Amino acid sequence: MGRHNFKKLKIWNEGISLVGESYKLTRTFPASERFNLISQLNRCAVSIPSNIAEGSSKSTDRHFKKFLENSLGSAFEWETQLIVAYNENFLSKERFEELENKILQIQKMIGSFMDNLGND
C-alpha cells in the first residue's frame, strides 16, 4: 500500500500522548536523574511516534514495518525504564500501573498494525 498520513494513525496519536505523559512524569524525578533516566525515558517516548511518522513516508509496507519495529522496540525500552523508575520509588504504584497499562496498549496496537499491513 505505502504512504500513510501518520497524523491520522491512532498508534501515532497514542505515541504523542505518551510523550506528554513521559515529560509530565519526569518533571517529578530528582535532578540527579536529568542526564540519566529522565533523558532516556523522554527520548524513548519521542522515538515511538517519530518512527511511526518516518516509516509512514516509505513507499512500501515492508519498509514501513521496519520503522514500526523500531517504534515497538522503543516502547519496550520505555516500559523497562518505567519499571526502573518505579523500583527507585520515583512514582506511585497507582501511577506506575496507569502508565504500564498505557504502554502495553501501545505495544499491542503497534503489533496489530504491523500484522495488518501487507507484505509488499
PDB file of N, CA and C in Angstrom:
ATOM      1  N   MET A   1       0.847  -1.193   0.000  1.00  0.00           N
ATOM      2  CA  MET A   1       0.000   0.000   0.000  1.00  0.00           C
ATOM      3  C   MET A   1       0.881   1.241   0.000  1.00  0.00           C
ATOM      4  N   GLY A   2       1.626   1.473   1.057  1.00  0.00           N
ATOM      5  CA  GLY A   2       2.563   2.583   1.102  1.00  0.00           C
ATOM      6  C   GLY A   2       1.923   3.908   1.462  1.00  0.00           C
ATOM      7  N   ARG A   3       2.692   4.741   2.048  1.00  0.00           N
ATOM      8  CA  ARG A   3       2.384   6.110   2.433  1.00  0.00           C
ATOM      9  C   ARG A   3       1.059   6.290   3.173  1.00  0.00           C
ATOM     10  N   HIS A   4       1.192   6.445   4.459  1.00  0.00           N
ATOM     11  CA  HIS A   4       0.053   6.678   5.347  1.00  0.00           C
ATOM     12  C   HIS A   4       0.140   8.102   5.881  1.00  0.00           C
ATOM     13  N   ASN A   5      -0.980   8.710   6.180  1.00  0.00           N
ATOM     14  CA  ASN A   5      -0.986  10.009   6.851  1.00  0.00           C
ATOM     15  C   ASN A   5      -0.815   9.734   8.341  1.00  0.00           C
ATOM     16  N   PHE A   6       0.419   9.896   8.827  1.00  0.00           N
ATOM     17  CA  PHE A   6       0.724   9.489  10.201  1.00  0.00           C
ATOM     18  C   PHE A   6      -0.116  10.212  11.235  1.00  0.00           C
ATOM     19  N   LYS A   7      -0.521  11.451  10.962  1.00  0.00           N
ATOM     20  CA  LYS A   7      -1.306  12.213  11.943  1.00  0.00           C
ATOM     21  C   LYS A   7      -2.697  11.621  12.155  1.00  0.00           C
ATOM     22  N   LYS A   8      -3.138  10.793  11.219  1.00  0.00           N
ATOM     23  CA  LYS A   8      -4.449  10.155  11.343  1.00  0.00           C
ATOM     24  C   LYS A   8      -4.362   8.755  11.945  1.00  0.00           C
ATOM     25  N   LEU A   9      -3.145   8.294  12.197  1.00  0.00           N
ATOM     26  CA  LEU A   9      -2.972   6.951  12.749  1.00  0.00           C
ATOM     27  C   LEU A   9      -3.145   6.975  14.265  1.00  0.00           C
ATOM     28  N   LYS A  10      -3.991   6.090  14.758  1.00  0.00           N
ATOM     29  CA  LYS A  10      -4.228   6.022  16.203  1.00  0.00           C
ATOM     30  C   LYS A  10      -2.941   5.706  16.959  1.00  0.00           C
ATOM     31  N   ILE A  11      -2.095   4.839  16.399  1.00  0.00           N
ATOM     32  CA  ILE A  11      -0.847   4.492  17.083  1.00  0.00           C
ATOM     33  C   ILE A  11       0.058   5.712  17.221  1.00  0.00           C
ATOM     34  N   TRP A  12       0.073   6.578  16.226  1.00  0.00           N
ATOM     35  CA  TRP A  12       0.886   7.797  16.314  1.00  0.00           C
ATOM     36  C   TRP A  12       0.313   8.723  17.385  1.00  0.00           C
ATOM     37  N   ASN A  13      -0.997   8.907  17.384  1.00  0.00           N
ATOM     38  CA  ASN A  13      -1.633   9.782  18.377  1.00  0.00           C
ATOM     39  C   ASN A  13      -1.436   9.265  19.798  1.00  0.00           C
ATOM     40  N   GLU A  14      -1.522   7.961  19.987  1.00  0.00           N
ATOM     41  CA  GLU A  14      -1.262   7.379  21.312  1.00  0.00           C
ATOM     42  C   GLU A  14       0.196   7.598  21.703  1.00  0.00           C
ATOM     43  N   GLY A  15       1.093   7.496  20.734  1.00  0.00           N
ATOM     44  CA  GLY A  15       2.508   7.760  20.998  1.00  0.00           C
ATOM     45  C   GLY A  15       2.745   9.200  21.419  1.00  0.00           C
ATOM     46  N   ILE A  16       2.101  10.134  20.743  1.00  0.00           N
ATOM     47  CA  ILE A  16       2.217  11.552  21.102  1.00  0.00           C
ATOM     48  C   ILE A  16       1.683  11.777  22.511  1.00  0.00           C
ATOM     49  N   SER A  17       0.594  11.129  22.843  1.00  0.00           N
ATOM     50  CA  SER A  17       0.033  11.232  24.189  1.00  0.00           C
ATOM     51  C   SER A  17       1.026  10.719  25.232  1.00  0.00           C
ATOM     52  N   LEU A  18       1.707   9.623  24.919  1.00  0.00           N
ATOM     53  CA  LEU A  18       2.703   9.072  25.839  1.00  0.00           C
ATOM     54  C   LEU A  18       3.862  10.047  26.044  1.00  0.00           C
ATOM     55  N   VAL A  19       4.255  10.751  24.998  1.00  0.00           N
ATOM     56  CA  VAL A  19       5.331  11.748  25.132  1.00  0.00           C
ATOM     57  C   VAL A  19       4.956  12.760  26.209  1.00  0.00           C
ATOM     58  N   GLY A  20       3.740  13.279  26.143  1.00  0.00           N
ATOM     59  CA  GLY A  20       3.282  14.235  27.152  1.00  0.00           C
ATOM     60  C   GLY A  20       3.295  13.639  28.547  1.00  0.00           C
ATOM     61  N   GLU A  21       2.844  12.392  28.660  1.00  0.00           N
ATOM     62  CA  GLU A  21       2.837  11.710  29.960  1.00  0.00           C
ATOM     63  C   GLU A  21       4.259  11.513  30.480  1.00  0.00           C
ATOM     64  N   SER A  22       5.169  11.195  29.576  1.00  0.00           N
ATOM     65  CA  SER A  22       6.555  10.964  29.966  1.00  0.00           C
ATOM     66  C   SER A  22       7.197  12.244  30.494  1.00  0.00           C
ATOM     67  N   TYR A  23       7.009  13.338  29.773  1.00  0.00           N
ATOM     68  CA  TYR A  23       7.568  14.620  30.227  1.00  0.00           C
ATOM     69  C   TYR A  23       6.946  15.049  31.556  1.00  0.00           C
ATOM     70  N   LYS A  24       5.656  14.847  31.681  1.00  0.00           N
ATOM     71  CA  LYS A  24       4.969  15.189  32.936  1.00  0.00           C
ATOM     72  C   LYS A  24       5.538  14.368  34.089  1.00  0.00           C
ATOM     73  N   LEU A  25       5.720  13.076  33.862  1.00  0.00           N
ATOM     74  CA  LEU A  25       6.259  12.189  34.887  1.00  0.00           C
ATOM     75  C   LEU A  25       7.677  12.586  35.281  1.00  0.00           C
ATOM     76  N   THR A  26       8.535  12.781  34.291  1.00  0.00           N
ATOM     77  CA  THR A  26       9.948  13.010  34.603  1.00  0.00           C
ATOM     78  C   THR A  26      10.209  14.367  35.246  1.00  0.00           C
ATOM     79  N   ARG A  27       9.272  15.287  35.133  1.00  0.00           N
ATOM     80  CA  ARG A  27       9.428  16.574  35.833  1.00  0.00           C
ATOM     81  C   ARG A  27       9.442  16.389  37.352  1.00  0.00           C
ATOM     82  N   THR A  28       8.935  15.247  37.818  1.00  0.00           N
ATOM     83  CA  THR A  28       8.882  14.974  39.256  1.00  0.00           C
ATOM     84  C   THR A  28      10.106  14.198  39.744  1.00  0.00           C
ATOM     85  N   PHE A  29      10.976  13.783  38.840  1.00  0.00           N
ATOM     86  CA  PHE A  29      12.146  12.988  39.213  1.00  0.00           C
ATOM     87  C   PHE A  29      13.215  13.872  39.847  1.00  0.00           C
ATOM     88  N   PRO A  30      14.122  13.266  40.619  1.00  0.00           N
ATOM     89  CA  PRO A  30      15.227  14.037  41.199  1.00  0.00           C
ATOM     90  C   PRO A  30      16.113  14.640  40.107  1.00  0.00           C
ATOM     91  N   ALA A  31      16.642  15.813  40.368  1.00  0.00           N
ATOM     92  CA  ALA A  31      17.510  16.492  39.402  1.00  0.00           C
ATOM     93  C   ALA A  31      18.722  15.640  39.035  1.00  0.00           C
ATOM     94  N   SER A  32      19.151  14.790  39.932  1.00  0.00           N
ATOM     95  CA  SER A  32      20.312  13.930  39.665  1.00  0.00           C
ATOM     96  C   SER A  32      20.064  12.959  38.507  1.00  0.00           C
ATOM     97  N   GLU A  33      18.815  12.771  38.133  1.00  0.00           N
ATOM     98  CA  GLU A  33      18.467  11.873  37.027  1.00  0.00           C
ATOM     99  C   GLU A  33      18.343  12.600  35.688  1.00  0.00           C
ATOM    100  N   ARG A  34      18.658  13.890  35.674  1.00  0.00           N
ATOM    101  CA  ARG A  34      18.470  14.707  34.469  1.00  0.00           C
ATOM    102  C   ARG A  34      19.124  14.101  33.233  1.00  0.00           C
ATOM    103  N   PHE A  35      20.361  13.650  33.367  1.00  0.00           N
ATOM    104  CA  PHE A  35      21.080  13.113  32.208  1.00  0.00           C
ATOM    105  C   PHE A  35      21.025  11.591  32.142  1.00  0.00           C
ATOM    106  N   ASN A  36      20.239  11.004  33.003  1.00  0.00           N
ATOM    107  CA  ASN A  36      20.119   9.550  33.035  1.00  0.00           C
ATOM    108  C   ASN A  36      18.693   9.132  32.687  1.00  0.00           C
ATOM    109  N   LEU A  37      17.943   8.754  33.686  1.00  0.00           N
ATOM    110  CA  LEU A  37      16.613   8.197  33.459  1.00  0.00           C
ATOM    111  C   LEU A  37      15.651   9.204  32.825  1.00  0.00           C
ATOM    112  N   ILE A  38      15.725  10.456  33.214  1.00  0.00           N
ATOM    113  CA  ILE A  38      14.841  11.479  32.622  1.00  0.00           C
ATOM    114  C   ILE A  38      15.069  11.549  31.118  1.00  0.00           C
ATOM    115  N   SER A  39      16.335  11.682  30.736  1.00  0.00           N
ATOM    116  CA  SER A  39      16.674  11.784  29.320  1.00  0.00           C
ATOM    117  C   SER A  39      16.285  10.515  28.565  1.00  0.00           C
ATOM    118  N   GLN A  40      16.578   9.361  29.146  1.00  0.00           N
ATOM    119  CA  GLN A  40      16.279   8.098  28.471  1.00  0.00           C
ATOM    120  C   GLN A  40      14.780   7.889  28.274  1.00  0.00           C
ATOM    121  N   LEU A  41      14.002   8.125  29.318  1.00  0.00           N
ATOM    122  CA  LEU A  41      12.549   7.960  29.205  1.00  0.00           C
ATOM    123  C   LEU A  41      11.972   8.873  28.127  1.00  0.00           C
ATOM    124  N   ASN A  42      12.368  10.129  28.153  1.00  0.00           N
ATOM    125  CA  ASN A  42      11.804  11.080  27.197  1.00  0.00           C
ATOM    126  C   ASN A  42      12.264  10.804  25.771  1.00  0.00           C
ATOM    127  N   ARG A  43      13.524  10.405  25.588  1.00  0.00           N
ATOM    128  CA  ARG A  43      13.999  10.081  24.238  1.00  0.00           C
ATOM    129  C   ARG A  43      13.267   8.865  23.682  1.00  0.00           C
ATOM    130  N   CYS A  44      13.057   7.863  24.528  1.00  0.00           N
ATOM    131  CA  CYS A  44      12.309   6.673  24.076  1.00  0.00           C
ATOM    132  C   CYS A  44      10.874   7.026  23.721  1.00  0.00           C
ATOM    133  N   ALA A  45      10.253   7.831  24.559  1.00  0.00           N
ATOM    134  CA  ALA A  45       8.864   8.225  24.297  1.00  0.00           C
ATOM    135  C   ALA A  45       8.757   8.952  22.962  1.00  0.00           C
ATOM    136  N   VAL A  46       9.661   9.888  22.714  1.00  0.00           N
ATOM    137  CA  VAL A  46       9.646  10.650  21.456  1.00  0.00           C
ATOM    138  C   VAL A  46       9.917   9.731  20.265  1.00  0.00           C
ATOM    139  N   SER A  47      10.740   8.721  20.476  1.00  0.00           N
ATOM    140  CA  SER A  47      11.090   7.796  19.404  1.00  0.00           C
ATOM    141  C   SER A  47       9.893   6.990  18.899  1.00  0.00           C
ATOM    142  N   ILE A  48       8.936   6.725  19.769  1.00  0.00           N
ATOM    143  CA  ILE A  48       7.787   5.894  19.375  1.00  0.00           C
ATOM    144  C   ILE A  48       6.997   6.554  18.238  1.00  0.00           C
ATOM    145  N   PRO A  49       6.442   7.762  18.419  1.00  0.00           N
ATOM    146  CA  PRO A  49       5.701   8.364  17.305  1.00  0.00           C
ATOM    147  C   PRO A  49       6.615   8.844  16.175  1.00  0.00           C
ATOM    148  N   SER A  50       7.865   9.173  16.497  1.00  0.00           N
ATOM    149  CA  SER A  50       8.787   9.636  15.452  1.00  0.00           C
ATOM    150  C   SER A  50       9.057   8.539  14.433  1.00  0.00           C
ATOM    151  N   ASN A  51       9.273   7.315  14.895  1.00  0.00           N
ATOM    152  CA  ASN A  51       9.497   6.206  13.967  1.00  0.00           C
ATOM    153  C   ASN A  51       8.249   5.883  13.167  1.00  0.00           C
ATOM    154  N   ILE A  52       7.091   6.023  13.785  1.00  0.00           N
ATOM    155  CA  ILE A  52       5.838   5.808  13.053  1.00  0.00           C
ATOM    156  C   ILE A  52       5.711   6.846  11.938  1.00  0.00           C
ATOM    157  N   ALA A  53       5.997   8.092  12.268  1.00  0.00           N
ATOM    158  CA  ALA A  53       5.907   9.164  11.269  1.00  0.00           C
ATOM    159  C   ALA A  53       6.908   8.944  10.141  1.00  0.00           C
ATOM    160  N   GLU A  54       8.149   8.640  10.496  1.00  0.00           N
ATOM    161  CA  GLU A  54       9.166   8.431   9.465  1.00  0.00           C
ATOM    162  C   GLU A  54       8.812   7.235   8.585  1.00  0.00           C
ATOM    163  N   GLY A  55       8.379   6.160   9.209  1.00  0.00           N
ATOM    164  CA  GLY A  55       8.015   4.971   8.441  1.00  0.00           C
ATOM    165  C   GLY A  55       6.840   5.189   7.513  1.00  0.00           C
ATOM    166  N   SER A  56       5.936   6.075   7.913  1.00  0.00           N
ATOM    167  CA  SER A  56       4.748   6.325   7.083  1.00  0.00           C
ATOM    168  C   SER A  56       5.100   6.947   5.739  1.00  0.00           C
ATOM    169  N   SER A  57       6.300   7.496   5.628  1.00  0.00           N
ATOM    170  CA  SER A  57       6.716   8.115   4.367  1.00  0.00           C
ATOM    171  C   SER A  57       7.253   7.097   3.369  1.00  0.00           C
ATOM    172  N   LYS A  58       7.470   5.884   3.810  1.00  0.00           N
ATOM    173  CA  LYS A  58       8.062   4.869   2.941  1.00  0.00           C
ATOM    174  C   LYS A  58       7.054   4.386   1.914  1.00  0.00           C
ATOM    175  N   SER A  59       7.576   4.008   0.763  1.00  0.00           N
ATOM    176  CA  SER A  59       6.694   3.670  -0.357  1.00  0.00           C
ATOM    177  C   SER A  59       6.128   2.256  -0.286  1.00  0.00           C
ATOM    178  N   THR A  60       6.682   1.417   0.593  1.00  0.00           N
ATOM    179  CA  THR A  60       6.137   0.063   0.722  1.00  0.00           C
ATOM    180  C   THR A  60       5.839  -0.243   2.188  1.00  0.00           C
ATOM    181  N   ASP A  61       4.879  -1.112   2.393  1.00  0.00           N
ATOM    182  CA  ASP A  61       4.539  -1.527   3.754  1.00  0.00           C
ATOM    183  C   ASP A  61       5.698  -2.275   4.404  1.00  0.00           C
ATOM    184  N   ARG A  62       6.474  -2.995   3.599  1.00  0.00           N
ATOM    185  CA  ARG A  62       7.629  -3.722   4.128  1.00  0.00           C
ATOM    186  C   ARG A  62       8.621  -2.758   4.780  1.00  0.00           C
ATOM    187  N   HIS A  63       8.871  -1.640   4.127  1.00  0.00           N
ATOM    188  CA  HIS A  63       9.774  -0.633   4.698  1.00  0.00           C
ATOM    189  C   HIS A  63       9.144   0.043   5.912  1.00  0.00           C
ATOM    190  N   PHE A  64       7.851   0.296   5.847  1.00  0.00           N
ATOM    191  CA  PHE A  64       7.141   0.901   6.977  1.00  0.00           C
ATOM    192  C   PHE A  64       7.272   0.001   8.209  1.00  0.00           C
ATOM    193  N   LYS A  65       7.157  -1.317   8.001  1.00  0.00           N
ATOM    194  CA  LYS A  65       7.239  -2.258   9.122  1.00  0.00           C
ATOM    195  C   LYS A  65       8.569  -2.156   9.862  1.00  0.00           C
ATOM    196  N   LYS A  66       9.647  -1.879   9.135  1.00  0.00           N
ATOM    197  CA  LYS A  66      10.955  -1.746   9.792  1.00  0.00           C
ATOM    198  C   LYS A  66      10.926  -0.608  10.808  1.00  0.00           C
ATOM    199  N   PHE A  67      10.288   0.483  10.456  1.00  0.00           N
ATOM    200  CA  PHE A  67      10.190   1.617  11.375  1.00  0.00           C
ATOM    201  C   PHE A  67       9.216   1.324  12.511  1.00  0.00           C
ATOM    202  N   LEU A  68       8.176   0.559  12.205  1.00  0.00           N
ATOM    203  CA  LEU A  68       7.254   0.147  13.265  1.00  0.00           C
ATOM    204  C   LEU A  68       7.957  -0.775  14.260  1.00  0.00           C
ATOM    205  N   GLU A  69       8.855  -1.616  13.762  1.00  0.00           N
ATOM    206  CA  GLU A  69       9.647  -2.462  14.663  1.00  0.00           C
ATOM    207  C   GLU A  69      10.514  -1.603  15.576  1.00  0.00           C
ATOM    208  N   ASN A  70      11.106  -0.548  15.026  1.00  0.00           N
ATOM    209  CA  ASN A  70      11.899   0.374  15.847  1.00  0.00           C
ATOM    210  C   ASN A  70      11.022   1.050  16.890  1.00  0.00           C
ATOM    211  N   SER A  71       9.838   1.446  16.474  1.00  0.00           N
ATOM    212  CA  SER A  71       8.896   2.080  17.391  1.00  0.00           C
ATOM    213  C   SER A  71       8.511   1.118  18.514  1.00  0.00           C
ATOM    214  N   LEU A  72       8.250  -0.122  18.158  1.00  0.00           N
ATOM    215  CA  LEU A  72       7.903  -1.138  19.149  1.00  0.00           C
ATOM    216  C   LEU A  72       9.072  -1.379  20.103  1.00  0.00           C
ATOM    217  N   GLY A  73      10.279  -1.406  19.566  1.00  0.00           N
ATOM    218  CA  GLY A  73      11.460  -1.552  20.412  1.00  0.00           C
ATOM    219  C   GLY A  73      11.577  -0.416  21.410  1.00  0.00           C
ATOM    220  N   SER A  74      11.308   0.798  20.967  1.00  0.00           N
ATOM    221  CA  SER A  74      11.335   1.954  21.868  1.00  0.00           C
ATOM    222  C   SER A  74      10.256   1.843  22.934  1.00  0.00           C
ATOM    223  N   ALA A  75       9.118   1.281  22.571  1.00  0.00           N
ATOM    224  CA  ALA A  75       8.036   1.097  23.543  1.00  0.00           C
ATOM    225  C   ALA A  75       8.443   0.100  24.628  1.00  0.00           C
ATOM    226  N   PHE A  76       9.119  -0.969  24.236  1.00  0.00           N
ATOM    227  CA  PHE A  76       9.604  -1.939  25.228  1.00  0.00           C
ATOM    228  C   PHE A  76      10.697  -1.318  26.096  1.00  0.00           C
ATOM    229  N   GLU A  77      11.551  -0.535  25.481  1.00  0.00           N
ATOM    230  CA  GLU A  77      12.604   0.150  26.234  1.00  0.00           C
ATOM    231  C   GLU A  77      11.991   1.127  27.235  1.00  0.00           C
ATOM    232  N   TRP A  78      10.967   1.877  26.814  1.00  0.00           N
ATOM    233  CA  TRP A  78      10.300   2.828  27.708  1.00  0.00           C
ATOM    234  C   TRP A  78       9.663   2.090  28.879  1.00  0.00           C
ATOM    235  N   GLU A  79       9.040   0.945  28.594  1.00  0.00           N
ATOM    236  CA  GLU A  79       8.428   0.158  29.665  1.00  0.00           C
ATOM    237  C   GLU A  79       9.480  -0.278  30.687  1.00  0.00           C
ATOM    238  N   THR A  80      10.630  -0.721  30.201  1.00  0.00           N
ATOM    239  CA  THR A  80      11.714  -1.138  31.097  1.00  0.00           C
ATOM    240  C   THR A  80      12.173   0.017  31.974  1.00  0.00           C
ATOM    241  N   GLN A  81      12.329   1.184  31.388  1.00  0.00           N
ATOM    242  CA  GLN A  81      12.769   2.351  32.150  1.00  0.00           C
ATOM    243  C   GLN A  81      11.710   2.793  33.153  1.00  0.00           C
ATOM    244  N   LEU A  82      10.441   2.611  32.802  1.00  0.00           N
ATOM    245  CA  LEU A  82       9.359   2.897  33.742  1.00  0.00           C
ATOM    246  C   LEU A  82       9.463   1.977  34.957  1.00  0.00           C
ATOM    247  N   ILE A  83       9.756   0.715  34.718  1.00  0.00           N
ATOM    248  CA  ILE A  83       9.927  -0.244  35.817  1.00  0.00           C
ATOM    249  C   ILE A  83      11.091   0.172  36.710  1.00  0.00           C
ATOM    250  N   VAL A  84      12.193   0.588  36.103  1.00  0.00           N
ATOM    251  CA  VAL A  84      13.343   1.063  36.883  1.00  0.00           C
ATOM    252  C   VAL A  84      12.937   2.258  37.739  1.00  0.00           C
ATOM    253  N   ALA A  85      12.225   3.207  37.142  1.00  0.00           N
ATOM    254  CA  ALA A  85      11.781   4.397  37.883  1.00  0.00           C
ATOM    255  C   ALA A  85      10.882   4.004  39.050  1.00  0.00           C
ATOM    256  N   TYR A  86       9.996   3.061  38.821  1.00  0.00           N
ATOM    257  CA  TYR A  86       9.116   2.592  39.895  1.00  0.00           C
ATOM    258  C   TYR A  86       9.927   1.911  40.998  1.00  0.00           C
ATOM    259  N   ASN A  87      10.870   1.068  40.607  1.00  0.00           N
ATOM    260  CA  ASN A  87      11.707   0.377  41.588  1.00  0.00           C
ATOM    261  C   ASN A  87      12.550   1.345  42.416  1.00  0.00           C
ATOM    262  N   GLU A  88      12.836   2.506  41.846  1.00  0.00           N
ATOM    263  CA  GLU A  88      13.591   3.544  42.562  1.00  0.00           C
ATOM    264  C   GLU A  88      12.665   4.488  43.332  1.00  0.00           C
ATOM    265  N   ASN A  89      11.382   4.159  43.353  1.00  0.00           N
ATOM    266  CA  ASN A  89      10.368   4.947  44.077  1.00  0.00           C
ATOM    267  C   ASN A  89      10.201   6.367  43.540  1.00  0.00           C
ATOM    268  N   PHE A  90      10.349   6.526  42.227  1.00  0.00           N
ATOM    269  CA  PHE A  90      10.158   7.833  41.597  1.00  0.00           C
ATOM    270  C   PHE A  90       8.698   8.093  41.231  1.00  0.00           C
ATOM    271  N   LEU A  91       7.840   7.069  41.369  1.00  0.00           N
ATOM    272  CA  LEU A  91       6.419   7.248  41.097  1.00  0.00           C
ATOM    273  C   LEU A  91       5.627   6.259  41.938  1.00  0.00           C
ATOM    274  N   SER A  92       4.368   6.588  42.155  1.00  0.00           N
ATOM    275  CA  SER A  92       3.489   5.747  42.972  1.00  0.00           C
ATOM    276  C   SER A  92       3.087   4.485  42.213  1.00  0.00           C
ATOM    277  N   LYS A  93       2.631   3.506  42.950  1.00  0.00           N
ATOM    278  CA  LYS A  93       2.149   2.267  42.337  1.00  0.00           C
ATOM    279  C   LYS A  93       0.978   2.553  41.406  1.00  0.00           C
ATOM    280  N   GLU A  94       0.087   3.427  41.829  1.00  0.00           N
ATOM    281  CA  GLU A  94      -1.083   3.774  41.009  1.00  0.00           C
ATOM    282  C   GLU A  94      -0.660   4.390  39.677  1.00  0.00           C
ATOM    283  N   ARG A  95       0.265   5.331  39.732  1.00  0.00           N
ATOM    284  CA  ARG A  95       0.743   5.997  38.506  1.00  0.00           C
ATOM    285  C   ARG A  95       1.499   5.005  37.631  1.00  0.00           C
ATOM    286  N   PHE A  96       2.309   4.157  38.271  1.00  0.00           N
ATOM    287  CA  PHE A  96       3.043   3.135  37.531  1.00  0.00           C
ATOM    288  C   PHE A  96       2.077   2.234  36.767  1.00  0.00           C
ATOM    289  N   GLU A  97       1.053   1.746  37.443  1.00  0.00           N
ATOM    290  CA  GLU A  97       0.094   0.842  36.799  1.00  0.00           C
ATOM    291  C   GLU A  97      -0.646   1.531  35.660  1.00  0.00           C
ATOM    292  N   GLU A  98      -0.979   2.795  35.855  1.00  0.00           N
ATOM    293  CA  GLU A  98      -1.653   3.563  34.802  1.00  0.00           C
ATOM    294  C   GLU A  98      -0.765   3.664  33.559  1.00  0.00           C
ATOM    295  N   LEU A  99       0.503   4.020  33.764  1.00  0.00           N
ATOM    296  CA  LEU A  99       1.417   4.179  32.635  1.00  0.00           C
ATOM    297  C   LEU A  99       1.811   2.837  32.032  1.00  0.00           C
ATOM    298  N   GLU A 100       1.932   1.823  32.864  1.00  0.00           N
ATOM    299  CA  GLU A 100       2.242   0.496  32.341  1.00  0.00           C
ATOM    300  C   GLU A 100       1.106   0.009  31.438  1.00  0.00           C
ATOM    301  N   ASN A 101      -0.128   0.212  31.855  1.00  0.00           N
ATOM    302  CA  ASN A 101      -1.269  -0.161  31.013  1.00  0.00           C
ATOM    303  C   ASN A 101      -1.254   0.594  29.696  1.00  0.00           C
ATOM    304  N   LYS A 102      -0.891   1.863  29.748  1.00  0.00           N
ATOM    305  CA  LYS A 102      -0.840   2.683  28.531  1.00  0.00           C
ATOM    306  C   LYS A 102       0.219   2.154  27.559  1.00  0.00           C
ATOM    307  N   ILE A 103       1.420   1.851  28.082  1.00  0.00           N
ATOM    308  CA  ILE A 103       2.477   1.385  27.181  1.00  0.00           C
ATOM    309  C   ILE A 103       2.165  -0.013  26.653  1.00  0.00           C
ATOM    310  N   LEU A 104       1.543  -0.854  27.471  1.00  0.00           N
ATOM    311  CA  LEU A 104       1.155  -2.185  26.985  1.00  0.00           C
ATOM    312  C   LEU A 104       0.127  -2.076  25.865  1.00  0.00           C
ATOM    313  N   GLN A 105      -0.791  -1.134  26.002  1.00  0.00           N
ATOM    314  CA  GLN A 105      -1.796  -0.901  24.955  1.00  0.00           C
ATOM    315  C   GLN A 105      -1.113  -0.435  23.669  1.00  0.00           C
ATOM    316  N   ILE A 106      -0.166   0.475  23.796  1.00  0.00           N
ATOM    317  CA  ILE A 106       0.557   0.971  22.621  1.00  0.00           C
ATOM    318  C   ILE A 106       1.318  -0.167  21.949  1.00  0.00           C
ATOM    319  N   GLN A 107       1.978  -0.997  22.737  1.00  0.00           N
ATOM    320  CA  GLN A 107       2.713  -2.134  22.173  1.00  0.00           C
ATOM    321  C   GLN A 107       1.778  -3.053  21.386  1.00  0.00           C
ATOM    322  N   LYS A 108       0.630  -3.352  21.948  1.00  0.00           N
ATOM    323  CA  LYS A 108      -0.341  -4.213  21.264  1.00  0.00           C
ATOM    324  C   LYS A 108      -0.839  -3.558  19.981  1.00  0.00           C
ATOM    325  N   MET A 109      -1.095  -2.255  20.045  1.00  0.00           N
ATOM    326  CA  MET A 109      -1.593  -1.541  18.869  1.00  0.00           C
ATOM    327  C   MET A 109      -0.563  -1.552  17.740  1.00  0.00           C
ATOM    328  N   ILE A 110       0.698  -1.313  18.083  1.00  0.00           N
ATOM    329  CA  ILE A 110       1.745  -1.325  17.058  1.00  0.00           C
ATOM    330  C   ILE A 110       1.854  -2.724  16.455  1.00  0.00           C
ATOM    331  N   GLY A 111       1.855  -3.751  17.304  1.00  0.00           N
ATOM    332  CA  GLY A 111       1.927  -5.125  16.811  1.00  0.00           C
ATOM    333  C   GLY A 111       0.770  -5.472  15.895  1.00  0.00           C
ATOM    334  N   SER A 112      -0.431  -5.091  16.273  1.00  0.00           N
ATOM    335  CA  SER A 112      -1.613  -5.355  15.443  1.00  0.00           C
ATOM    336  C   SER A 112      -1.547  -4.599  14.128  1.00  0.00           C
ATOM    337  N   PHE A 113      -1.089  -3.349  14.186  1.00  0.00           N
ATOM    338  CA  PHE A 113      -0.966  -2.556  12.966  1.00  0.00           C
ATOM    339  C   PHE A 113       0.022  -3.230  12.012  1.00  0.00           C
ATOM    340  N   MET A 114       1.146  -3.699  12.553  1.00  0.00           N
ATOM    341  CA  MET A 114       2.137  -4.391  11.721  1.00  0.00           C
ATOM    342  C   MET A 114       1.537  -5.644  11.094  1.00  0.00           C
ATOM    343  N   ASP A 115       0.790  -6.403  11.887  1.00  0.00           N
ATOM    344  CA  ASP A 115       0.176  -7.635  11.383  1.00  0.00           C
ATOM    345  C   ASP A 115      -0.814  -7.363  10.254  1.00  0.00           C
ATOM    346  N   ASN A 116      -1.446  -6.199  10.281  1.00  0.00           N
ATOM    347  CA  ASN A 116      -2.462  -5.874   9.280  1.00  0.00           C
ATOM    348  C   ASN A 116      -1.904  -5.212   8.027  1.00  0.00           C
ATOM    349  N   LEU A 117      -0.621  -4.857   8.050  1.00  0.00           N
ATOM    350  CA  LEU A 117      -0.015  -4.292   6.846  1.00  0.00           C
ATOM    351  C   LEU A 117       0.244  -5.407   5.844  1.00  0.00           C
ATOM    352  N   GLY A 118       0.279  -5.036   4.595  1.00  0.00           N
ATOM    353  CA  GLY A 118       0.593  -6.014   3.559  1.00  0.00           C
ATOM    354  C   GLY A 118       2.054  -6.421   3.625  1.00  0.00           C
ATOM    355  N   ASN A 119       2.444  -7.311   2.757  1.00  0.00           N
ATOM    356  CA  ASN A 119       3.829  -7.807   2.730  1.00  0.00           C
ATOM    357  C   ASN A 119       4.565  -7.369   1.474  1.00  0.00           C
ATOM    358  N   ASP A 120       4.169  -6.240   0.902  1.00  0.00           N
ATOM    359  CA  ASP A 120       4.835  -5.823  -0.342  1.00  0.00           C
ATOM    360  C   ASP A 120       6.224  -5.316  -0.100  1.00  0.00           C
TER     361      ASP A 120
END
